[in-house]
């Protein structure tokens, strides 16, 4: 069994530097009566030890809560006389290192705990959580605690990651600098122009490799400040740009591959498109102008221009934008039942697939059948989904998706060539020696293909070829910088309305 004095020593072990004389229960708080120890203390000016008491001073400080209640320490501190002749400080108040700091109303350990809270939650949220933890502070106090947290010493990394983030989208931006090898935040710069980064690089020499995205401003800043540094483009941005161009190519050839499903009957929209195309071209052949065609057919001028540029109505056909639904897994069952009994009721089909695990509604099933999606050999596919299938590694595709891609690429030669270029470019994104030469061969092969959107992608690569070559041959990347940007967005949401640049920079750089 612990005695009362021992129990007090256990509960208030953080106050072991003091002499606890009494503990009082005051309902909503616990008051600890304490004093400093009777030991000589060095003078803060000359360092001479002194134990001669000139007087006593009372201090009231808050400590970490106990039993969900506030702990207030009423502390008696000695004012001592300096024994050294000529010392400018004749008397001084003793301090308790590690427990109390000068002019503070909280113990050091309570300040450390509150610092950890405000570092994660900042002002209002930090104040609310502190109140739950029986420590009441205002949001302004929370921000002052946050601003007093010390930043780590600035060091110059060997591999620097550079990226921008929006302070106010389309208006103000900032630049984040990190160690691309460890992910440590290095600095935050106001603005994202070349001059800002160039100034920082010139004043902090020692960077050997710079990882960045396709920003021309950052590339120019590195070339001017560090002409010998290696610039590494970001492979994720390369792949993202390539995906956008691939989707554009798929959409431009949708009139070719969208006709693969002959079992899908032509709808009213397609029949209207053919009739409108025929009327416009008949008028154009008779010498009627575009504006007069628009007036006679009651169409907009842009619509008439679009039809006039098209040499055949099939080129105006677009793939239906049907999205995957909950009915797709049961399409084979519906097709078999409707082939065996064309007059089967929809409600009967609904009850049957409900037993098989269908979780959708009857209305969804009804629209699926009336759209003709149950009779086709495959579900109708959108350009976006087809682009995703082409950009997915073949080993990760299902057998049905693989067969679907084979059918579509067989119907469109340009699509088949696009699939080959996608696979060959994806292999280059695994860094290896010699990928720069392979990229040159890939671009030469691409130039001979009828893929104008990918030609534009290749032109963009040539504008920043050295950085792209380094991205495909070196292991460095800008992924950690993107992760820091994601964390920065969370910080800005938490500090909405109070996130000035200085405070935001301070919180981003805190470890």
Protein backbone atom coordinates (compact mmCIF):
# COMPACT_ATOMS: atom_id res chain seq x y z
CA UNK A 1 0.00 0.00 0.00
CA UNK A 2 1.27 3.47 -0.92
CA UNK A 3 1.16 6.18 1.70
CA UNK A 4 -0.46 9.50 0.96
CA UNK A 5 2.89 11.23 0.54
CA UNK A 6 4.07 8.50 -1.83
CA UNK A 7 0.84 8.71 -3.79
CA UNK A 8 1.26 12.44 -4.19
CA UNK A 9 4.78 11.79 -5.47
CA UNK A 10 3.43 9.37 -8.06
CA UNK A 11 0.53 11.52 -9.27
CA UNK A 12 2.61 14.70 -9.43
CA UNK A 13 5.90 13.14 -10.47
CA UNK A 14 6.41 15.96 -12.97
CA UNK A 15 6.69 18.38 -10.06
CA UNK A 16 9.53 16.49 -8.40
CA UNK A 17 11.79 19.54 -8.67
CA UNK A 18 9.52 21.26 -6.13
CA UNK A 19 8.59 20.60 -2.52
CA UNK A 20 4.86 19.79 -2.38
CA UNK A 21 3.41 20.96 0.90
CA UNK A 22 -0.30 20.37 0.37
CA UNK A 23 -2.90 19.28 -2.20
CA UNK A 24 -6.37 20.85 -2.01
CA UNK A 25 -9.56 19.74 -3.76
CA UNK A 26 -11.54 22.75 -5.02
CA UNK A 27 -14.30 20.93 -6.95
CA UNK A 28 -13.47 21.94 -10.53
CA UNK A 29 -9.70 22.06 -9.99
CA UNK A 30 -6.91 20.60 -7.92
CA UNK A 31 -4.61 23.11 -6.24
CA UNK A 32 -1.07 22.09 -5.37
CA UNK A 33 0.73 24.17 -2.74
CA UNK A 34 4.49 23.98 -3.40
CA UNK A 35 7.74 25.83 -2.95
CA UNK A 36 11.23 25.65 -4.41
CA UNK A 37 13.97 23.66 -2.68
CA UNK A 38 16.38 25.28 -0.23
CA UNK A 39 19.41 24.95 -2.47
CA UNK A 40 21.87 27.53 -3.80
CA UNK A 41 21.02 28.84 -7.27
CA UNK A 42 23.42 30.49 -9.79
CA UNK A 43 22.96 34.14 -10.65
CA UNK A 44 21.64 34.47 -14.23
CA UNK A 45 24.20 37.26 -14.94
CA UNK A 46 27.49 36.32 -13.29
CA UNK A 47 26.79 32.67 -12.39
CA UNK A 48 27.74 33.00 -8.70
CA UNK A 49 25.88 30.57 -6.42
CA UNK A 50 23.59 32.17 -3.85
CA UNK A 51 21.34 30.84 -1.11
CA UNK A 52 20.74 34.15 0.71
CA UNK A 53 17.02 34.92 0.62
CA UNK A 54 15.96 38.51 0.02
CA UNK A 55 12.22 37.74 -0.10
CA UNK A 56 9.55 35.50 -1.55
CA UNK A 57 7.39 35.77 -4.66
CA UNK A 58 4.19 33.83 -5.42
CA UNK A 59 3.57 32.34 -8.88
CA UNK A 60 0.45 30.58 -10.10
CA UNK A 61 0.99 28.15 -12.96
CA UNK A 62 -1.18 25.51 -14.63
CA UNK A 63 0.00 21.91 -14.90
CA UNK A 64 -1.29 18.93 -16.87
CA UNK A 65 -4.80 17.81 -15.77
CA UNK A 66 -5.38 15.01 -13.27
CA UNK A 67 -8.64 13.02 -13.11
CA UNK A 68 -10.10 15.24 -15.84
CA UNK A 69 -9.70 18.38 -13.73
CA UNK A 70 -7.38 21.35 -13.97
CA UNK A 71 -4.25 21.36 -11.84
CA UNK A 72 -3.09 24.74 -10.53
CA UNK A 73 0.24 25.05 -8.76
CA UNK A 74 0.53 27.86 -6.21
CA UNK A 75 4.29 28.16 -6.06
CA UNK A 76 6.43 30.12 -3.64
CA UNK A 77 9.67 31.25 -5.31
CA UNK A 78 12.64 32.82 -3.54
CA UNK A 79 14.22 36.13 -4.48
CA UNK A 80 17.93 35.74 -3.78
CA UNK A 81 20.79 38.18 -3.27
CA UNK A 82 23.78 37.90 -5.61
CA UNK A 83 26.98 37.59 -3.49
CA UNK A 84 29.31 38.91 -6.20
CA UNK A 85 30.56 42.48 -5.81
CA UNK A 86 29.92 44.63 -8.86
CA UNK A 87 27.26 42.35 -10.37
CA UNK A 88 24.59 44.51 -12.04
CA UNK A 89 21.92 42.13 -10.76
CA UNK A 90 21.79 42.68 -6.99
CA UNK A 91 18.78 40.40 -6.51
CA UNK A 92 17.21 37.84 -8.81
CA UNK A 93 14.25 35.50 -8.83
CA UNK A 94 15.14 31.83 -9.02
CA UNK A 95 13.89 29.74 -11.90
CA UNK A 96 13.11 26.03 -12.13
CA UNK A 97 14.78 24.74 -15.32
CA UNK A 98 12.82 22.04 -17.11
CA UNK A 99 9.64 22.86 -15.21
CA UNK A 100 9.01 26.59 -15.47
CA UNK A 101 10.18 29.25 -17.87
CA UNK A 102 10.44 32.96 -17.26
CA UNK A 103 7.09 34.82 -17.44
CA UNK A 104 5.16 31.63 -18.25
CA UNK A 105 1.81 30.67 -16.69
CA UNK A 106 2.05 27.00 -17.68
CA UNK A 107 4.54 24.29 -16.86
CA UNK A 108 6.89 23.20 -19.62
CA UNK A 109 5.26 19.79 -20.00
CA UNK A 110 1.78 21.33 -20.34
CA UNK A 111 3.13 23.76 -22.93
CA UNK A 112 4.65 20.82 -24.81
CA UNK A 113 1.33 18.95 -24.85
CA UNK A 114 -0.58 22.02 -26.04
CA UNK A 115 2.09 22.58 -28.68
CA UNK A 116 1.48 19.07 -30.04
CA UNK A 117 -2.27 19.78 -30.18
CA UNK A 118 -2.05 23.12 -31.95
CA UNK A 119 0.56 21.78 -34.38
CA UNK A 120 -2.04 19.32 -35.66
CA UNK A 121 -5.23 21.36 -35.26
CA UNK A 122 -4.14 25.04 -35.13
CA UNK A 123 -6.51 27.67 -33.69
CA UNK A 124 -10.21 26.98 -33.21
CA UNK A 125 -9.99 23.20 -33.40
CA UNK A 126 -7.00 23.17 -31.04
CA UNK A 127 -8.87 25.35 -28.54
CA UNK A 128 -11.92 23.06 -28.65
CA UNK A 129 -9.87 19.92 -28.07
CA UNK A 130 -7.89 21.58 -25.26
CA UNK A 131 -11.16 22.43 -23.50
CA UNK A 132 -12.15 18.76 -23.63
CA UNK A 133 -8.76 17.92 -22.08
CA UNK A 134 -9.52 20.30 -19.17
CA UNK A 135 -7.13 23.00 -20.40
CA UNK A 136 -8.92 26.15 -21.50
CA UNK A 137 -7.16 28.35 -24.07
CA UNK A 138 -8.46 30.75 -26.69
CA UNK A 139 -7.90 30.36 -30.41
CA UNK A 140 -5.53 33.33 -30.38
CA UNK A 141 -3.49 31.73 -27.61
CA UNK A 142 -3.40 28.51 -29.62
CA UNK A 143 -1.99 30.40 -32.60
CA UNK A 144 0.60 32.13 -30.42
CA UNK A 145 1.68 28.73 -29.07
CA UNK A 146 1.92 27.49 -32.64
CA UNK A 147 4.04 30.44 -33.72
CA UNK A 148 6.46 29.89 -30.81
CA UNK A 149 7.21 26.28 -31.74
CA UNK A 150 10.82 26.18 -33.00
CA UNK A 151 11.49 25.29 -36.62
CA UNK A 152 14.22 22.79 -37.52
CA UNK A 153 17.53 24.20 -38.70
CA UNK A 154 17.64 24.83 -42.45
CA UNK A 155 19.84 22.37 -44.32
CA UNK A 156 20.64 22.03 -48.01
CA UNK A 157 19.62 18.65 -49.49
CA UNK A 158 21.47 16.88 -52.27
CA UNK A 159 18.22 16.08 -54.13
CA UNK A 160 15.70 18.92 -54.02
CA UNK A 161 12.00 18.48 -54.78
CA UNK A 162 10.16 21.56 -56.09
CA UNK A 163 6.43 22.07 -56.61
CA UNK A 164 3.83 24.81 -56.32
CA UNK A 165 0.51 24.98 -54.49
CA UNK A 166 -2.35 27.47 -54.54
CA UNK A 167 -2.84 29.97 -51.74
CA UNK A 168 -5.84 31.33 -53.68
CA UNK A 169 -6.50 29.41 -56.86
CA UNK A 170 -5.82 31.33 -60.06
CA UNK A 171 -4.64 34.32 -58.02
CA UNK A 172 -1.77 33.54 -55.61
CA UNK A 173 0.61 30.58 -55.40
CA UNK A 174 3.58 29.49 -53.33
CA UNK A 175 6.51 27.10 -53.83
CA UNK A 176 7.35 24.17 -51.54
CA UNK A 177 10.89 22.80 -51.32
CA UNK A 178 11.61 19.39 -49.79
CA UNK A 179 14.36 16.81 -49.57
CA UNK A 180 13.30 14.40 -52.32
CA UNK A 181 15.20 11.53 -50.66
CA UNK A 182 13.77 11.80 -47.13
CA UNK A 183 10.59 13.87 -47.61
CA UNK A 184 11.76 16.50 -45.08
CA UNK A 185 10.31 19.97 -45.67
CA UNK A 186 13.05 22.48 -46.39
CA UNK A 187 11.40 25.82 -47.12
CA UNK A 188 8.26 27.53 -48.44
CA UNK A 189 8.66 30.46 -50.85
CA UNK A 190 6.07 33.14 -51.70
CA UNK A 191 5.17 32.95 -55.39
CA UNK A 192 5.99 30.39 -58.05
CA UNK A 193 7.97 32.40 -60.57
CA UNK A 194 11.47 31.68 -61.78
CA UNK A 195 12.98 34.65 -59.91
CA UNK A 196 11.79 33.40 -56.50
CA UNK A 197 13.34 29.97 -56.91
CA UNK A 198 16.49 31.34 -58.53
CA UNK A 199 17.11 33.69 -55.58
CA UNK A 200 16.76 30.83 -53.10
CA UNK A 201 19.07 28.51 -55.05
CA UNK A 202 21.77 31.17 -55.35
CA UNK A 203 21.68 31.91 -51.62
CA UNK A 204 21.69 28.19 -50.67
CA UNK A 205 24.29 26.44 -52.86
CA UNK A 206 24.87 22.70 -52.66
CA UNK A 207 21.90 21.21 -54.54
CA UNK A 208 22.99 18.62 -57.11
CA UNK A 209 19.66 17.22 -58.42
CA UNK A 210 16.30 19.01 -58.76
CA UNK A 211 13.05 17.05 -59.13
CA UNK A 212 10.21 19.07 -60.65
CA UNK A 213 7.13 18.77 -62.83
CA UNK A 214 6.90 20.16 -66.35
CA UNK A 215 6.95 23.78 -65.18
CA UNK A 216 9.03 25.91 -67.54
CA UNK A 217 9.55 28.59 -64.86
CA UNK A 218 11.19 26.18 -62.43
CA UNK A 219 13.32 24.71 -65.20
CA UNK A 220 14.55 28.15 -66.23
CA UNK A 221 15.32 29.08 -62.61
CA UNK A 222 17.44 25.95 -62.14
CA UNK A 223 19.29 26.52 -65.43
CA UNK A 224 20.17 30.07 -64.43
CA UNK A 225 21.14 29.42 -60.80
CA UNK A 226 22.60 25.89 -61.04
CA UNK A 227 23.69 25.20 -64.62
CA UNK A 228 25.49 22.00 -63.57
CA UNK A 229 22.55 20.55 -61.61
CA UNK A 230 20.59 17.61 -63.03
CA UNK A 231 16.89 18.32 -63.59
CA UNK A 232 14.56 15.33 -63.21
CA UNK A 233 11.01 15.46 -64.57
CA UNK A 234 8.20 13.78 -62.70
CA UNK A 235 7.11 10.45 -64.16
CA UNK A 236 3.58 10.75 -62.72
CA UNK A 237 2.97 13.97 -64.64
CA UNK A 238 4.36 12.37 -67.80
CA UNK A 239 1.91 9.50 -67.45
CA UNK A 240 -0.99 11.83 -66.59
CA UNK A 241 -0.37 13.93 -69.71
CA UNK A 242 -0.03 10.78 -71.79
CA UNK A 243 -3.37 9.50 -70.44
CA UNK A 244 -5.11 12.74 -71.45
CA UNK A 245 -3.74 12.47 -74.99
CA UNK A 246 -4.73 8.81 -75.18
CA UNK A 247 -8.30 9.67 -74.21
CA UNK A 248 -8.37 12.36 -76.89
CA UNK A 249 -7.20 9.82 -79.50
CA UNK A 250 -9.85 7.32 -78.43
CA UNK A 251 -12.57 9.96 -78.72
CA UNK A 252 -11.37 11.10 -82.13
CA UNK A 253 -11.74 7.53 -83.51
CA UNK A 254 -15.03 6.72 -81.78
CA UNK A 255 -16.84 6.76 -85.12
CA UNK A 256 -14.74 3.72 -86.07
CA UNK A 257 -14.71 1.51 -82.98
CA UNK A 258 -18.22 2.47 -81.81
CA UNK A 259 -19.70 0.52 -84.76
CA UNK A 260 -18.31 -2.81 -83.53
CA UNK A 261 -21.58 -3.74 -81.84
CA UNK A 262 -23.87 -4.32 -84.85
CA UNK A 263 -26.62 -5.82 -82.72
CA UNK A 264 -27.33 -2.43 -81.21
CA UNK A 265 -30.05 -0.86 -83.37
CA UNK A 266 -29.73 2.67 -84.65
CA UNK A 267 -31.63 5.04 -82.40
CA UNK A 268 -33.74 8.07 -83.18
CA UNK A 269 -30.83 10.41 -82.57
CA UNK A 270 -28.64 8.60 -85.10
CA UNK A 271 -31.39 8.60 -87.74
CA UNK A 272 -31.95 12.33 -87.19
CA UNK A 273 -28.23 12.95 -87.56
CA UNK A 274 -28.14 11.17 -90.90
CA UNK A 275 -31.16 13.11 -92.22
CA UNK A 276 -29.72 16.44 -91.07
CA UNK A 277 -26.33 15.68 -92.67
CA UNK A 278 -28.03 14.79 -95.96
CA UNK A 279 -30.11 18.00 -96.00
CA UNK A 280 -27.11 20.23 -95.27
CA UNK A 281 -24.91 18.64 -97.94
CA UNK A 282 -27.73 18.77 -100.52
CA UNK A 283 -28.02 22.51 -99.98
CA UNK A 284 -24.24 22.97 -100.10
CA UNK A 285 -24.05 21.10 -103.42
CA UNK A 286 -26.62 23.51 -104.87
CA UNK A 287 -24.41 26.45 -103.88
CA UNK A 288 -26.33 27.59 -100.83
CA UNK A 289 -24.13 29.33 -98.25
CA UNK A 290 -23.64 28.22 -94.64
CA UNK A 291 -25.64 31.08 -93.16
CA UNK A 292 -28.54 30.48 -95.56
CA UNK A 293 -28.47 26.75 -94.70
CA UNK A 294 -28.75 27.61 -91.04
CA UNK A 295 -31.71 29.91 -91.75
CA UNK A 296 -33.58 27.39 -93.92
CA UNK A 297 -33.07 24.42 -91.58
CA UNK A 298 -33.54 26.47 -88.38
CA UNK A 299 -30.13 25.40 -87.02
CA UNK A 300 -27.29 27.30 -85.46
CA UNK A 301 -24.41 28.36 -87.69
CA UNK A 302 -21.89 26.34 -85.66
CA UNK A 303 -23.98 23.18 -86.09
CA UNK A 304 -24.10 23.69 -89.87
CA UNK A 305 -20.33 24.24 -89.94
CA UNK A 306 -19.73 21.02 -87.99
CA UNK A 307 -21.89 18.99 -90.37
CA UNK A 308 -20.33 20.66 -93.41
CA UNK A 309 -16.82 19.68 -92.30
CA UNK A 310 -17.87 16.03 -92.00
CA UNK A 311 -17.50 14.01 -95.23
CA UNK A 312 -19.80 11.16 -94.16
CA UNK A 313 -22.53 10.89 -91.52
CA UNK A 314 -20.85 7.92 -89.80
CA UNK A 315 -18.08 10.24 -88.61
CA UNK A 316 -20.63 12.13 -86.48
CA UNK A 317 -21.49 9.02 -84.52
CA UNK A 318 -20.32 9.00 -80.95
CA UNK A 319 -20.16 6.15 -78.52
CA UNK A 320 -23.17 6.13 -76.14
CA UNK A 321 -22.28 7.36 -72.67
CA UNK A 322 -23.68 4.39 -70.78
CA UNK A 323 -22.07 3.91 -67.43
CA UNK A 324 -21.62 0.53 -65.73
CA UNK A 325 -24.69 -0.42 -63.71
CA UNK A 326 -25.67 -3.04 -61.15
CA UNK A 327 -27.42 -5.00 -63.92
CA UNK A 328 -24.25 -5.71 -65.94
CA UNK A 329 -23.24 -8.89 -64.02
CA UNK A 330 -26.65 -10.45 -64.86
CA UNK A 331 -26.71 -9.51 -68.55
CA UNK A 332 -26.04 -13.08 -69.72
CA UNK A 333 -28.95 -14.41 -67.67
CA UNK A 334 -31.29 -11.73 -69.03
CA UNK A 335 -30.24 -12.42 -72.61
CA UNK A 336 -30.80 -16.16 -72.28
CA UNK A 337 -34.22 -15.73 -70.68
CA UNK A 338 -35.39 -13.20 -73.27
CA UNK A 339 -34.11 -15.39 -76.12
CA UNK A 340 -36.03 -18.37 -74.77
CA UNK A 341 -39.18 -16.38 -73.93
CA UNK A 342 -39.38 -12.94 -75.61
CA UNK A 343 -42.62 -12.17 -73.75
CA UNK A 344 -41.20 -12.73 -70.27
CA UNK A 345 -42.26 -9.97 -67.89
CA UNK A 346 -39.70 -7.58 -66.49
CA UNK A 347 -40.97 -8.18 -62.98
CA UNK A 348 -40.31 -11.91 -63.42
CA UNK A 349 -36.75 -11.18 -64.53
CA UNK A 350 -36.39 -8.85 -61.56
CA UNK A 351 -37.39 -11.61 -59.14
CA UNK A 352 -34.99 -14.08 -60.77
CA UNK A 353 -31.89 -11.88 -60.64
CA UNK A 354 -32.88 -10.75 -57.16
CA UNK A 355 -32.33 -14.35 -56.06
CA UNK A 356 -28.93 -14.32 -57.81
CA UNK A 357 -27.81 -11.31 -55.74
CA UNK A 358 -29.03 -8.27 -57.64
CA UNK A 359 -29.32 -5.26 -55.31
CA UNK A 360 -30.65 -2.62 -57.72
CA UNK A 361 -34.19 -1.41 -58.34
CA UNK A 362 -36.88 -2.53 -60.76
CA UNK A 363 -36.75 0.83 -62.52
CA UNK A 364 -33.03 0.40 -63.23
CA UNK A 365 -33.65 -3.05 -64.73
CA UNK A 366 -36.53 -1.70 -66.84
CA UNK A 367 -34.39 1.10 -68.33
CA UNK A 368 -31.54 -1.34 -68.95
CA UNK A 369 -33.79 -3.57 -71.04
CA UNK A 370 -35.58 -0.77 -72.94
CA UNK A 371 -32.20 0.71 -73.95
CA UNK A 372 -31.35 -2.58 -75.66
CA UNK A 373 -28.32 -3.22 -73.52
CA UNK A 374 -29.33 -6.79 -72.65
CA UNK A 375 -29.31 -8.04 -76.27
CA UNK A 376 -25.79 -6.95 -77.25
CA UNK A 377 -22.79 -9.24 -77.25
CA UNK A 378 -21.13 -6.90 -74.78
CA UNK A 379 -22.13 -3.84 -72.74
CA UNK A 380 -21.82 -0.54 -74.60
CA UNK A 381 -18.52 1.11 -73.69
CA UNK A 382 -17.65 4.80 -73.34
CA UNK A 383 -14.46 6.44 -74.65
CA UNK A 384 -13.24 7.04 -71.10
CA UNK A 385 -13.65 3.39 -70.14
CA UNK A 386 -11.98 2.21 -73.34
CA UNK A 387 -9.04 4.55 -72.67
CA UNK A 388 -8.78 3.14 -69.16
CA UNK A 389 -8.66 -0.41 -70.54
CA UNK A 390 -5.91 0.56 -72.96
CA UNK A 391 -3.91 2.23 -70.18
CA UNK A 392 -4.24 -0.70 -67.76
CA UNK A 393 -1.51 -3.34 -67.68
CA UNK A 394 -2.71 -6.36 -69.72
CA UNK A 395 -2.00 -8.74 -66.83
CA UNK A 396 -4.48 -6.83 -64.66
CA UNK A 397 -7.39 -7.00 -67.10
CA UNK A 398 -10.18 -9.52 -66.82
CA UNK A 399 -10.61 -11.98 -69.67
CA UNK A 400 -13.80 -10.26 -70.81
CA UNK A 401 -12.03 -6.86 -70.90
CA UNK A 402 -9.11 -8.33 -72.81
CA UNK A 403 -11.48 -9.81 -75.41
CA UNK A 404 -13.33 -6.49 -75.64
CA UNK A 405 -10.10 -4.58 -76.32
CA UNK A 406 -9.13 -7.10 -78.99
CA UNK A 407 -12.49 -6.68 -80.76
CA UNK A 408 -12.30 -2.89 -80.73
CA UNK A 409 -8.66 -2.67 -81.84
CA UNK A 410 -9.36 -5.15 -84.66
CA UNK A 411 -12.10 -2.85 -85.98
CA UNK A 412 -9.93 0.29 -85.88
CA UNK A 413 -6.30 0.18 -87.15
CA UNK A 414 -5.45 3.49 -85.45
CA UNK A 415 -6.74 2.11 -82.13
CA UNK A 416 -4.57 -0.99 -82.49
CA UNK A 417 -1.53 1.19 -83.17
CA UNK A 418 -2.45 3.37 -80.19
CA UNK A 419 -2.53 0.29 -77.93
CA UNK A 420 0.97 -0.71 -79.06
CA UNK A 421 2.36 2.76 -78.34
CA UNK A 422 0.68 2.81 -74.92
CA UNK A 423 2.34 -0.44 -73.89
CA UNK A 424 5.77 0.57 -75.16
CA UNK A 425 5.64 3.96 -73.43
CA UNK A 426 4.46 2.43 -70.15
CA UNK A 427 7.54 0.17 -70.13
CA UNK A 428 9.79 3.26 -70.28
CA UNK A 429 8.37 4.61 -67.00
CA UNK A 430 10.35 2.03 -65.02
CA UNK A 431 13.73 3.80 -64.63
CA UNK A 432 16.61 1.93 -66.29
CA UNK A 433 19.78 2.68 -68.19
CA UNK A 434 19.17 3.07 -71.91
CA UNK A 435 15.57 4.29 -71.61
CA UNK A 436 16.59 7.61 -73.16
CA UNK A 437 17.63 5.86 -76.36
CA UNK A 438 14.43 3.79 -76.30
CA UNK A 439 12.42 7.01 -75.95
CA UNK A 440 14.09 8.39 -79.08
CA UNK A 441 13.11 5.26 -81.00
CA UNK A 442 9.55 5.44 -79.58
CA UNK A 443 9.13 9.04 -80.73
CA UNK A 444 10.45 8.18 -84.21
CA UNK A 445 7.93 5.34 -84.52
CA UNK A 446 5.15 7.57 -83.21
CA UNK A 447 5.86 10.23 -85.85
CA UNK A 448 4.99 7.72 -88.58
CA UNK A 449 1.59 6.89 -87.01
CA UNK A 450 -1.66 8.75 -87.67
CA UNK A 451 -2.08 9.83 -84.04
CA UNK A 452 -2.02 13.66 -84.01
CA UNK A 453 -2.77 14.03 -80.29
CA UNK A 454 0.22 11.87 -79.37
CA UNK A 455 2.32 13.90 -81.79
CA UNK A 456 1.58 16.92 -79.61
CA UNK A 457 2.63 14.92 -76.55
CA UNK A 458 5.92 14.05 -78.24
CA UNK A 459 6.51 17.71 -79.09
CA UNK A 460 6.11 18.58 -75.42
CA UNK A 461 8.67 15.92 -74.47
CA UNK A 462 11.20 17.36 -76.91
CA UNK A 463 10.87 20.80 -75.29
CA UNK A 464 12.06 19.36 -71.95
CA UNK A 465 14.00 16.36 -73.22
CA UNK A 466 16.89 16.42 -70.72
CA UNK A 467 14.55 16.36 -67.71
CA UNK A 468 12.48 13.57 -69.28
CA UNK A 469 15.60 11.52 -70.00
CA UNK A 470 16.66 11.90 -66.35
CA UNK A 471 13.18 10.88 -65.19
CA UNK A 472 13.34 7.66 -67.23
CA UNK A 473 16.87 6.71 -66.17
CA UNK A 474 17.23 7.96 -62.55
CA UNK A 475 15.30 6.68 -59.50
CA UNK A 476 14.43 10.16 -58.21
CA UNK A 477 10.89 11.51 -58.48
CA UNK A 478 8.59 14.23 -57.15
CA UNK A 479 6.13 11.96 -55.39
CA UNK A 480 7.05 13.06 -51.89
CA UNK A 481 6.55 16.70 -52.88
CA UNK A 482 3.02 15.89 -54.06
CA UNK A 483 2.39 14.23 -50.70
CA UNK A 484 3.50 17.38 -48.88
CA UNK A 485 1.14 19.41 -51.09
CA UNK A 486 -1.75 17.13 -50.10
CA UNK A 487 -0.91 17.68 -46.43
CA UNK A 488 -0.67 21.42 -47.07
CA UNK A 489 -4.22 21.48 -48.46
CA UNK A 490 -5.47 19.86 -45.26
CA UNK A 491 -3.62 22.46 -43.19
CA UNK A 492 -5.15 25.30 -45.22
CA UNK A 493 -8.66 23.90 -44.72
CA UNK A 494 -8.10 23.75 -40.97
CA UNK A 495 -6.77 27.34 -40.87
CA UNK A 496 -9.36 28.87 -43.19
CA UNK A 497 -9.56 32.60 -42.56
CA UNK A 498 -6.42 32.75 -40.37
CA UNK A 499 -3.87 31.10 -42.67
CA UNK A 500 -1.57 34.03 -43.40
CA UNK A 501 1.52 33.07 -45.33
CA UNK A 502 3.93 33.36 -42.37
CA UNK A 503 1.78 31.20 -40.11
CA UNK A 504 1.07 28.71 -42.90
CA UNK A 505 4.78 28.44 -43.72
CA UNK A 506 5.58 27.91 -40.03
CA UNK A 507 3.11 25.06 -39.71
CA UNK A 508 4.19 23.38 -42.95
CA UNK A 509 7.84 23.34 -41.85
CA UNK A 510 7.16 22.01 -38.35
CA UNK A 511 8.43 18.41 -38.05
